[in-house]
Each structure stands twice: as structure tokens, then as C-alpha cells.
PDB file of all heavy atoms in Angstrom:
ATOM      1  N   PHE A   1     162.405 139.258  81.804  1.00  0.00           N
ATOM      2  CA  PHE A   1     163.428 138.799  82.640  1.00  0.00           C
ATOM      3  C   PHE A   1     163.630 137.311  82.398  1.00  0.00           C
ATOM      4  O   PHE A   1     162.814 136.628  81.780  1.00  0.00           O
ATOM      5  CB  PHE A   1     163.180 139.023  84.090  1.00  0.00           C
ATOM      6  CG  PHE A   1     163.009 140.457  84.505  1.00  0.00           C
ATOM      7  CD1 PHE A   1     161.757 140.964  84.877  1.00  0.00           C
ATOM      8  CD2 PHE A   1     164.105 141.341  84.460  1.00  0.00           C
ATOM      9  CE1 PHE A   1     161.556 142.264  85.259  1.00  0.00           C
ATOM     10  CE2 PHE A   1     163.935 142.703  84.808  1.00  0.00           C
ATOM     11  CZ  PHE A   1     162.651 143.185  85.199  1.00  0.00           C
ATOM     12  N   PHE A   2     164.751 136.785  82.801  1.00  0.00           N
ATOM     13  CA  PHE A   2     164.961 135.315  82.718  1.00  0.00           C
ATOM     14  C   PHE A   2     163.890 134.575  83.481  1.00  0.00           C
ATOM     15  O   PHE A   2     163.454 133.514  83.137  1.00  0.00           O
ATOM     16  CB  PHE A   2     166.336 134.930  83.268  1.00  0.00           C
ATOM     17  CG  PHE A   2     167.462 135.261  82.342  1.00  0.00           C
ATOM     18  CD1 PHE A   2     168.314 136.356  82.585  1.00  0.00           C
ATOM     19  CD2 PHE A   2     167.724 134.464  81.206  1.00  0.00           C
ATOM     20  CE1 PHE A   2     169.405 136.661  81.772  1.00  0.00           C
ATOM     21  CE2 PHE A   2     168.769 134.844  80.371  1.00  0.00           C
ATOM     22  CZ  PHE A   2     169.600 135.862  80.626  1.00  0.00           C
ATOM     23  N   GLY A   3     163.426 135.252  84.599  1.00  0.00           N
ATOM     24  CA  GLY A   3     162.366 134.678  85.415  1.00  0.00           C
ATOM     25  C   GLY A   3     160.943 134.951  84.934  1.00  0.00           C
ATOM     26  O   GLY A   3     160.018 134.631  85.602  1.00  0.00           O
ATOM     27  N   GLY A   4     160.836 135.598  83.813  1.00  0.00           N
ATOM     28  CA  GLY A   4     159.501 135.921  83.266  1.00  0.00           C
ATOM     29  C   GLY A   4     159.232 137.378  83.418  1.00  0.00           C
ATOM     30  O   GLY A   4     159.965 138.241  83.003  1.00  0.00           O
ATOM     31  N   ASP A   5     158.046 137.677  84.100  1.00  0.00           N
ATOM     32  CA  ASP A   5     157.665 139.050  84.279  1.00  0.00           C
ATOM     33  C   ASP A   5     158.407 139.718  85.550  1.00  0.00           C
ATOM     34  O   ASP A   5     158.391 140.914  85.702  1.00  0.00           O
ATOM     35  CB  ASP A   5     156.136 139.166  84.485  1.00  0.00           C
ATOM     36  CG  ASP A   5     155.416 138.799  83.254  1.00  0.00           C
ATOM     37  OD1 ASP A   5     156.006 139.060  82.124  1.00  0.00           O
ATOM     38  OD2 ASP A   5     154.278 138.363  83.352  1.00  0.00           O
ATOM     39  N   ASN A   6     158.953 138.836  86.356  1.00  0.00           N
ATOM     40  CA  ASN A   6     159.571 139.283  87.604  1.00  0.00           C
ATOM     41  C   ASN A   6     161.092 138.774  87.656  1.00  0.00           C
ATOM     42  O   ASN A   6     161.412 137.780  87.089  1.00  0.00           O
ATOM     43  CB  ASN A   6     158.845 138.774  88.788  1.00  0.00           C
ATOM     44  CG  ASN A   6     157.373 139.317  88.825  1.00  0.00           C
ATOM     45  OD1 ASN A   6     157.129 140.527  88.741  1.00  0.00           O
ATOM     46  ND2 ASN A   6     156.449 138.400  88.889  1.00  0.00           N
ATOM     47  N   ILE A   7     161.894 139.471  88.454  1.00  0.00           N
ATOM     48  CA  ILE A   7     163.219 139.050  88.624  1.00  0.00           C
ATOM     49  C   ILE A   7     163.270 137.743  89.393  1.00  0.00           C
ATOM     50  O   ILE A   7     162.567 137.530  90.424  1.00  0.00           O
ATOM     51  CB  ILE A   7     164.022 140.144  89.470  1.00  0.00           C
ATOM     52  CG1 ILE A   7     164.135 141.371  88.616  1.00  0.00           C
ATOM     53  CG2 ILE A   7     165.348 139.657  89.880  1.00  0.00           C
ATOM     54  CD1 ILE A   7     164.748 142.582  89.390  1.00  0.00           C
ATOM     55  N   GLY A   8     164.046 136.798  88.900  1.00  0.00           N
ATOM     56  CA  GLY A   8     164.153 135.509  89.510  1.00  0.00           C
ATOM     57  C   GLY A   8     165.566 135.080  89.790  1.00  0.00           C
ATOM     58  O   GLY A   8     166.502 135.918  89.708  1.00  0.00           O
ATOM     59  N   PHE A   9     165.781 133.815  90.066  1.00  0.00           N
ATOM     60  CA  PHE A   9     167.037 133.185  90.426  1.00  0.00           C
ATOM     61  C   PHE A   9     168.145 133.542  89.358  1.00  0.00           C
ATOM     62  O   PHE A   9     169.206 134.067  89.724  1.00  0.00           O
ATOM     63  CB  PHE A   9     166.847 131.712  90.530  1.00  0.00           C
ATOM     64  CG  PHE A   9     168.150 130.911  90.782  1.00  0.00           C
ATOM     65  CD1 PHE A   9     168.628 130.763  92.098  1.00  0.00           C
ATOM     66  CD2 PHE A   9     168.735 130.273  89.737  1.00  0.00           C
ATOM     67  CE1 PHE A   9     169.810 130.018  92.275  1.00  0.00           C
ATOM     68  CE2 PHE A   9     169.932 129.549  89.949  1.00  0.00           C
ATOM     69  CZ  PHE A   9     170.445 129.414  91.200  1.00  0.00           C
ATOM     70  N   LEU A  10     167.825 133.285  88.117  1.00  0.00           N
ATOM     71  CA  LEU A  10     168.857 133.461  87.078  1.00  0.00           C
ATOM     72  C   LEU A  10     169.148 134.917  86.842  1.00  0.00           C
ATOM     73  O   LEU A  10     170.296 135.331  86.563  1.00  0.00           O
ATOM     74  CB  LEU A  10     168.441 132.838  85.777  1.00  0.00           C
ATOM     75  CG  LEU A  10     169.463 132.830  84.637  1.00  0.00           C
ATOM     76  CD1 LEU A  10     170.827 132.254  85.084  1.00  0.00           C
ATOM     77  CD2 LEU A  10     168.942 132.015  83.453  1.00  0.00           C
ATOM     78  N   ASP A  11     168.175 135.803  87.007  1.00  0.00           N
ATOM     79  CA  ASP A  11     168.413 137.246  86.860  1.00  0.00           C
ATOM     80  C   ASP A  11     169.373 137.717  87.979  1.00  0.00           C
ATOM     81  O   ASP A  11     170.262 138.538  87.665  1.00  0.00           O
ATOM     82  CB  ASP A  11     167.116 138.021  87.026  1.00  0.00           C
ATOM     83  CG  ASP A  11     166.081 137.668  85.900  1.00  0.00           C
ATOM     84  OD1 ASP A  11     166.253 138.138  84.798  1.00  0.00           O
ATOM     85  OD2 ASP A  11     165.111 136.906  86.185  1.00  0.00           O
ATOM     86  N   ILE A  12     169.252 137.190  89.135  1.00  0.00           N
ATOM     87  CA  ILE A  12     170.104 137.573  90.231  1.00  0.00           C
ATOM     88  C   ILE A  12     171.499 137.156  89.976  1.00  0.00           C
ATOM     89  O   ILE A  12     172.488 137.848  90.090  1.00  0.00           O
ATOM     90  CB  ILE A  12     169.594 136.983  91.542  1.00  0.00           C
ATOM     91  CG1 ILE A  12     168.254 137.613  91.947  1.00  0.00           C
ATOM     92  CG2 ILE A  12     170.632 137.224  92.697  1.00  0.00           C
ATOM     93  CD1 ILE A  12     167.607 137.002  93.170  1.00  0.00           C
ATOM     94  N   VAL A  13     171.690 135.908  89.469  1.00  0.00           N
ATOM     95  CA  VAL A  13     172.956 135.379  89.142  1.00  0.00           C
ATOM     96  C   VAL A  13     173.623 136.170  87.975  1.00  0.00           C
ATOM     97  O   VAL A  13     174.796 136.541  87.998  1.00  0.00           O
ATOM     98  CB  VAL A  13     172.923 133.891  88.779  1.00  0.00           C
ATOM     99  CG1 VAL A  13     174.243 133.377  88.356  1.00  0.00           C
ATOM    100  CG2 VAL A  13     172.366 133.040  89.946  1.00  0.00           C
ATOM    101  N   ALA A  14     172.774 136.497  86.988  1.00  0.00           N
ATOM    102  CA  ALA A  14     173.248 137.217  85.796  1.00  0.00           C
ATOM    103  C   ALA A  14     173.498 138.691  86.115  1.00  0.00           C
ATOM    104  O   ALA A  14     173.875 139.402  85.200  1.00  0.00           O
ATOM    105  CB  ALA A  14     172.237 137.053  84.699  1.00  0.00           C
ATOM    106  N   SER A  15     173.281 139.121  87.284  1.00  0.00           N
ATOM    107  CA  SER A  15     173.599 140.494  87.625  1.00  0.00           C
ATOM    108  C   SER A  15     175.073 140.759  87.403  1.00  0.00           C
ATOM    109  O   SER A  15     175.476 141.922  87.107  1.00  0.00           O
ATOM    110  CB  SER A  15     173.247 140.821  89.142  1.00  0.00           C
ATOM    111  OG  SER A  15     173.944 140.013  89.990  1.00  0.00           O
ATOM    112  N   TYR A  16     175.897 139.720  87.437  1.00  0.00           N
ATOM    113  CA  TYR A  16     177.307 139.848  87.071  1.00  0.00           C
ATOM    114  C   TYR A  16     177.442 140.409  85.656  1.00  0.00           C
ATOM    115  O   TYR A  16     178.267 141.257  85.405  1.00  0.00           O
ATOM    116  CB  TYR A  16     177.980 138.485  87.126  1.00  0.00           C
ATOM    117  CG  TYR A  16     179.314 138.438  86.477  1.00  0.00           C
ATOM    118  CD1 TYR A  16     180.440 138.974  87.145  1.00  0.00           C
ATOM    119  CD2 TYR A  16     179.488 137.869  85.251  1.00  0.00           C
ATOM    120  CE1 TYR A  16     181.687 138.920  86.497  1.00  0.00           C
ATOM    121  CE2 TYR A  16     180.714 137.835  84.646  1.00  0.00           C
ATOM    122  CZ  TYR A  16     181.808 138.355  85.215  1.00  0.00           C
ATOM    123  OH  TYR A  16     183.069 138.348  84.627  1.00  0.00           O
ATOM    124  N   ILE A  17     176.620 139.909  84.753  1.00  0.00           N
ATOM    125  CA  ILE A  17     176.666 140.311  83.340  1.00  0.00           C
ATOM    126  C   ILE A  17     176.154 141.797  83.233  1.00  0.00           C
ATOM    127  O   ILE A  17     176.645 142.581  82.461  1.00  0.00           O
ATOM    128  CB  ILE A  17     175.829 139.416  82.506  1.00  0.00           C
ATOM    129  CG1 ILE A  17     176.419 137.971  82.475  1.00  0.00           C
ATOM    130  CG2 ILE A  17     175.749 139.903  81.018  1.00  0.00           C
ATOM    131  CD1 ILE A  17     175.572 136.976  81.725  1.00  0.00           C
ATOM    132  N   ALA A  18     175.080 142.054  83.940  1.00  0.00           N
ATOM    133  CA  ALA A  18     174.426 143.338  83.899  1.00  0.00           C
ATOM    134  C   ALA A  18     175.317 144.467  84.340  1.00  0.00           C
ATOM    135  O   ALA A  18     175.321 145.584  83.756  1.00  0.00           O
ATOM    136  CB  ALA A  18     173.116 143.365  84.672  1.00  0.00           C
ATOM    137  N   LEU A  19     176.163 144.197  85.347  1.00  0.00           N
ATOM    138  CA  LEU A  19     176.987 145.297  85.887  1.00  0.00           C
ATOM    139  C   LEU A  19     178.455 145.057  85.859  1.00  0.00           C
ATOM    140  O   LEU A  19     179.235 145.795  85.227  1.00  0.00           O
ATOM    141  CB  LEU A  19     176.526 145.510  87.410  1.00  0.00           C
ATOM    142  CG  LEU A  19     177.225 146.615  88.115  1.00  0.00           C
ATOM    143  CD1 LEU A  19     177.069 148.004  87.435  1.00  0.00           C
ATOM    144  CD2 LEU A  19     176.728 146.684  89.601  1.00  0.00           C
ATOM    145  N   TRP A  20     178.901 144.007  86.492  1.00  0.00           N
ATOM    146  CA  TRP A  20     180.353 143.796  86.669  1.00  0.00           C
ATOM    147  C   TRP A  20     181.069 143.459  85.250  1.00  0.00           C
ATOM    148  O   TRP A  20     182.147 143.914  84.997  1.00  0.00           O
ATOM    149  CB  TRP A  20     180.613 142.599  87.591  1.00  0.00           C
ATOM    150  CG  TRP A  20     180.412 142.978  89.057  1.00  0.00           C
ATOM    151  CD1 TRP A  20     181.317 143.500  89.902  1.00  0.00           C
ATOM    152  CD2 TRP A  20     179.166 143.037  89.777  1.00  0.00           C
ATOM    153  NE1 TRP A  20     180.749 143.739  91.089  1.00  0.00           N
ATOM    154  CE2 TRP A  20     179.446 143.473  91.090  1.00  0.00           C
ATOM    155  CE3 TRP A  20     177.884 142.649  89.478  1.00  0.00           C
ATOM    156  CZ2 TRP A  20     178.504 143.611  92.062  1.00  0.00           C
ATOM    157  CZ3 TRP A  20     176.830 142.754  90.416  1.00  0.00           C
ATOM    158  CH2 TRP A  20     177.133 143.253  91.689  1.00  0.00           C
ATOM    159  N   PHE A  21     180.370 142.745  84.393  1.00  0.00           N
ATOM    160  CA  PHE A  21     180.897 142.453  83.097  1.00  0.00           C
ATOM    161  C   PHE A  21     181.153 143.723  82.333  1.00  0.00           C
ATOM    162  O   PHE A  21     182.259 143.888  81.722  1.00  0.00           O
ATOM    163  CB  PHE A  21     179.956 141.519  82.332  1.00  0.00           C
ATOM    164  CG  PHE A  21     180.448 141.023  81.035  1.00  0.00           C
ATOM    165  CD1 PHE A  21     181.140 139.782  81.003  1.00  0.00           C
ATOM    166  CD2 PHE A  21     180.299 141.717  79.835  1.00  0.00           C
ATOM    167  CE1 PHE A  21     181.595 139.308  79.798  1.00  0.00           C
ATOM    168  CE2 PHE A  21     180.780 141.258  78.644  1.00  0.00           C
ATOM    169  CZ  PHE A  21     181.461 140.061  78.595  1.00  0.00           C
ATOM    170  N   GLY A  22     180.238 144.693  82.352  1.00  0.00           N
ATOM    171  CA  GLY A  22     180.385 145.961  81.641  1.00  0.00           C
ATOM    172  C   GLY A  22     181.552 146.748  82.277  1.00  0.00           C
ATOM    173  O   GLY A  22     182.243 147.408  81.480  1.00  0.00           O
ATOM    174  N   ALA A  23     181.681 146.711  83.608  1.00  0.00           N
ATOM    175  CA  ALA A  23     182.808 147.456  84.223  1.00  0.00           C
ATOM    176  C   ALA A  23     184.163 146.910  83.805  1.00  0.00           C
ATOM    177  O   ALA A  23     185.143 147.603  83.553  1.00  0.00           O
ATOM    178  CB  ALA A  23     182.625 147.397  85.711  1.00  0.00           C
ATOM    179  N   ILE A  24     184.200 145.561  83.692  1.00  0.00           N
ATOM    180  CA  ILE A  24     185.445 144.912  83.224  1.00  0.00           C
ATOM    181  C   ILE A  24     185.788 145.252  81.852  1.00  0.00           C
ATOM    182  O   ILE A  24     186.922 145.599  81.450  1.00  0.00           O
ATOM    183  CB  ILE A  24     185.315 143.377  83.419  1.00  0.00           C
ATOM    184  CG1 ILE A  24     185.206 142.987  84.916  1.00  0.00           C
ATOM    185  CG2 ILE A  24     186.565 142.698  82.819  1.00  0.00           C
ATOM    186  CD1 ILE A  24     184.891 141.530  85.152  1.00  0.00           C
ATOM    187  N   GLN A  25     184.741 145.290  80.971  1.00  0.00           N
ATOM    188  CA  GLN A  25     184.977 145.656  79.559  1.00  0.00           C
ATOM    189  C   GLN A  25     185.542 147.051  79.455  1.00  0.00           C
ATOM    190  O   GLN A  25     186.504 147.307  78.752  1.00  0.00           O
ATOM    191  CB  GLN A  25     183.615 145.731  78.836  1.00  0.00           C
ATOM    192  CG  GLN A  25     182.948 144.387  78.470  1.00  0.00           C
ATOM    193  CD  GLN A  25     181.711 144.567  77.658  1.00  0.00           C
ATOM    194  OE1 GLN A  25     181.639 144.201  76.543  1.00  0.00           O
ATOM    195  NE2 GLN A  25     180.726 145.244  78.231  1.00  0.00           N
ATOM    196  N   GLU A  26     185.022 148.001  80.227  1.00  0.00           N
ATOM    197  CA  GLU A  26     185.502 149.327  80.199  1.00  0.00           C
ATOM    198  C   GLU A  26     186.926 149.441  80.725  1.00  0.00           C
ATOM    199  O   GLU A  26     187.727 150.172  80.136  1.00  0.00           O
ATOM    200  CB  GLU A  26     184.579 150.260  81.058  1.00  0.00           C
ATOM    201  CG  GLU A  26     184.917 151.764  80.953  1.00  0.00           C
ATOM    202  CD  GLU A  26     183.844 152.612  81.665  1.00  0.00           C
ATOM    203  OE1 GLU A  26     182.720 152.198  81.849  1.00  0.00           O
ATOM    204  OE2 GLU A  26     184.187 153.771  81.959  1.00  0.00           O
ATOM    205  N   ALA A  27     187.212 148.643  81.782  1.00  0.00           N
ATOM    206  CA  ALA A  27     188.528 148.706  82.372  1.00  0.00           C
ATOM    207  C   ALA A  27     189.668 148.187  81.395  1.00  0.00           C
ATOM    208  O   ALA A  27     190.785 148.648  81.427  1.00  0.00           O
ATOM    209  CB  ALA A  27     188.557 147.919  83.680  1.00  0.00           C
ATOM    210  N   ILE A  28     189.287 147.188  80.600  1.00  0.00           N
ATOM    211  CA  ILE A  28     190.306 146.609  79.680  1.00  0.00           C
ATOM    212  C   ILE A  28     190.164 147.204  78.332  1.00  0.00           C
ATOM    213  O   ILE A  28     190.992 146.867  77.371  1.00  0.00           O
ATOM    214  CB  ILE A  28     190.165 145.112  79.595  1.00  0.00           C
ATOM    215  CG1 ILE A  28     188.766 144.676  79.023  1.00  0.00           C
ATOM    216  CG2 ILE A  28     190.366 144.416  80.938  1.00  0.00           C
ATOM    217  CD1 ILE A  28     188.568 143.184  78.815  1.00  0.00           C
ATOM    218  N   GLY A  29     189.232 148.103  78.075  1.00  0.00           N
ATOM    219  CA  GLY A  29     189.113 148.814  76.827  1.00  0.00           C
ATOM    220  C   GLY A  29     188.632 147.953  75.699  1.00  0.00           C
ATOM    221  O   GLY A  29     189.008 148.100  74.526  1.00  0.00           O
ATOM    222  N   MET A  30     187.686 146.999  75.988  1.00  0.00           N
ATOM    223  CA  MET A  30     187.149 146.154  74.975  1.00  0.00           C
ATOM    224  C   MET A  30     185.576 146.181  75.074  1.00  0.00           C
ATOM    225  O   MET A  30     185.066 146.248  76.192  1.00  0.00           O
ATOM    226  CB  MET A  30     187.619 144.695  75.140  1.00  0.00           C
ATOM    227  CG  MET A  30     189.106 144.512  74.981  1.00  0.00           C
ATOM    228  SD  MET A  30     189.609 142.793  75.128  1.00  0.00           S
ATOM    229  CE  MET A  30     188.958 142.123  73.599  1.00  0.00           C
ATOM    230  N   GLU A  31     184.892 146.129  73.934  1.00  0.00           N
ATOM    231  CA  GLU A  31     183.464 146.107  73.962  1.00  0.00           C
ATOM    232  C   GLU A  31     183.027 144.747  73.434  1.00  0.00           C
ATOM    233  O   GLU A  31     183.053 144.506  72.237  1.00  0.00           O
ATOM    234  CB  GLU A  31     182.900 147.215  73.090  1.00  0.00           C
ATOM    235  CG  GLU A  31     181.398 147.445  73.251  1.00  0.00           C
ATOM    236  CD  GLU A  31     180.881 148.677  72.539  1.00  0.00           C
ATOM    237  OE1 GLU A  31     181.642 149.201  71.725  1.00  0.00           O
ATOM    238  OE2 GLU A  31     179.747 149.067  72.751  1.00  0.00           O
ATOM    239  N   LEU A  32     182.585 143.879  74.317  1.00  0.00           N
ATOM    240  CA  LEU A  32     182.252 142.485  73.955  1.00  0.00           C
ATOM    241  C   LEU A  32     180.739 142.319  73.797  1.00  0.00           C
ATOM    242  O   LEU A  32     180.247 141.593  72.951  1.00  0.00           O
ATOM    243  CB  LEU A  32     182.810 141.529  74.960  1.00  0.00           C
ATOM    244  CG  LEU A  32     184.353 141.614  75.249  1.00  0.00           C
ATOM    245  CD1 LEU A  32     184.753 140.675  76.319  1.00  0.00           C
ATOM    246  CD2 LEU A  32     185.136 141.411  73.966  1.00  0.00           C
ATOM    247  N   LEU A  33     180.009 142.847  74.754  1.00  0.00           N
ATOM    248  CA  LEU A  33     178.521 142.725  74.786  1.00  0.00           C
ATOM    249  C   LEU A  33     177.922 143.979  74.193  1.00  0.00           C
ATOM    250  O   LEU A  33     177.827 145.000  74.843  1.00  0.00           O
ATOM    251  CB  LEU A  33     178.026 142.522  76.198  1.00  0.00           C
ATOM    252  CG  LEU A  33     176.636 141.833  76.420  1.00  0.00           C
ATOM    253  CD1 LEU A  33     176.467 141.466  77.864  1.00  0.00           C
ATOM    254  CD2 LEU A  33     175.535 142.730  75.983  1.00  0.00           C
ATOM    255  N   THR A  34     177.553 143.925  72.925  1.00  0.00           N
ATOM    256  CA  THR A  34     176.955 145.050  72.233  1.00  0.00           C
ATOM    257  C   THR A  34     175.539 144.768  71.881  1.00  0.00           C
ATOM    258  O   THR A  34     175.092 143.615  71.795  1.00  0.00           O
ATOM    259  CB  THR A  34     177.752 145.366  70.940  1.00  0.00           C
ATOM    260  OG1 THR A  34     177.601 144.253  70.007  1.00  0.00           O
ATOM    261  CG2 THR A  34     179.222 145.595  71.211  1.00  0.00           C
ATOM    262  N   LYS A  35     174.769 145.856  71.665  1.00  0.00           N
ATOM    263  CA  LYS A  35     173.342 145.708  71.326  1.00  0.00           C
ATOM    264  C   LYS A  35     173.168 145.101  69.913  1.00  0.00           C
ATOM    265  O   LYS A  35     172.158 144.442  69.641  1.00  0.00           O
ATOM    266  CB  LYS A  35     172.666 147.078  71.392  1.00  0.00           C
ATOM    267  CG  LYS A  35     172.550 147.639  72.758  1.00  0.00           C
ATOM    268  CD  LYS A  35     171.792 148.970  72.774  1.00  0.00           C
ATOM    269  CE  LYS A  35     171.598 149.451  74.224  1.00  0.00           C
ATOM    270  NZ  LYS A  35     170.794 150.733  74.302  1.00  0.00           N
ATOM    271  N   GLN A  36     174.209 145.307  69.035  1.00  0.00           N
ATOM    272  CA  GLN A  36     174.125 144.734  67.736  1.00  0.00           C
ATOM    273  C   GLN A  36     174.269 143.206  67.750  1.00  0.00           C
ATOM    274  O   GLN A  36     173.551 142.529  67.040  1.00  0.00           O
ATOM    275  CB  GLN A  36     175.238 145.329  66.834  1.00  0.00           C
ATOM    276  CG  GLN A  36     175.054 146.814  66.499  1.00  0.00           C
ATOM    277  CD  GLN A  36     175.328 147.736  67.657  1.00  0.00           C
ATOM    278  OE1 GLN A  36     176.053 147.397  68.598  1.00  0.00           O
ATOM    279  NE2 GLN A  36     174.709 148.898  67.661  1.00  0.00           N
ATOM    280  N   LYS A  37     175.170 142.727  68.588  1.00  0.00           N
ATOM    281  CA  LYS A  37     175.357 141.304  68.697  1.00  0.00           C
ATOM    282  C   LYS A  37     174.354 140.543  69.582  1.00  0.00           C
ATOM    283  O   LYS A  37     174.023 139.462  69.333  1.00  0.00           O
ATOM    284  CB  LYS A  37     176.799 140.970  69.159  1.00  0.00           C
ATOM    285  CG  LYS A  37     177.940 141.305  68.204  1.00  0.00           C
ATOM    286  CD  LYS A  37     179.304 140.923  68.784  1.00  0.00           C
ATOM    287  CE  LYS A  37     180.410 141.159  67.801  1.00  0.00           C
ATOM    288  NZ  LYS A  37     181.702 140.784  68.367  1.00  0.00           N
TER     289      LYS A  37
END
């Protein structure tokens, strides 16, 4: 995690990337955050 072995401050803030960002990608039909990149 950004916080090391445990979820920390930045992990909580980055929850936007983990969940909401992906939902937006799907809604607009674009794949920006891929495992390859």
C-alpha cells in the first residue's frame, strides 16, 4: 500500500483512483489505467 503494509492516509485519498476513476472510465468508454501501463 502507499502506507506500507497497512492502509494509510494516501491509500484512503487514492480510493478515488481505485473505484471512482474506473467507473468514470467505463462510463465514457475509455481505458486509461491499464495493467500494461
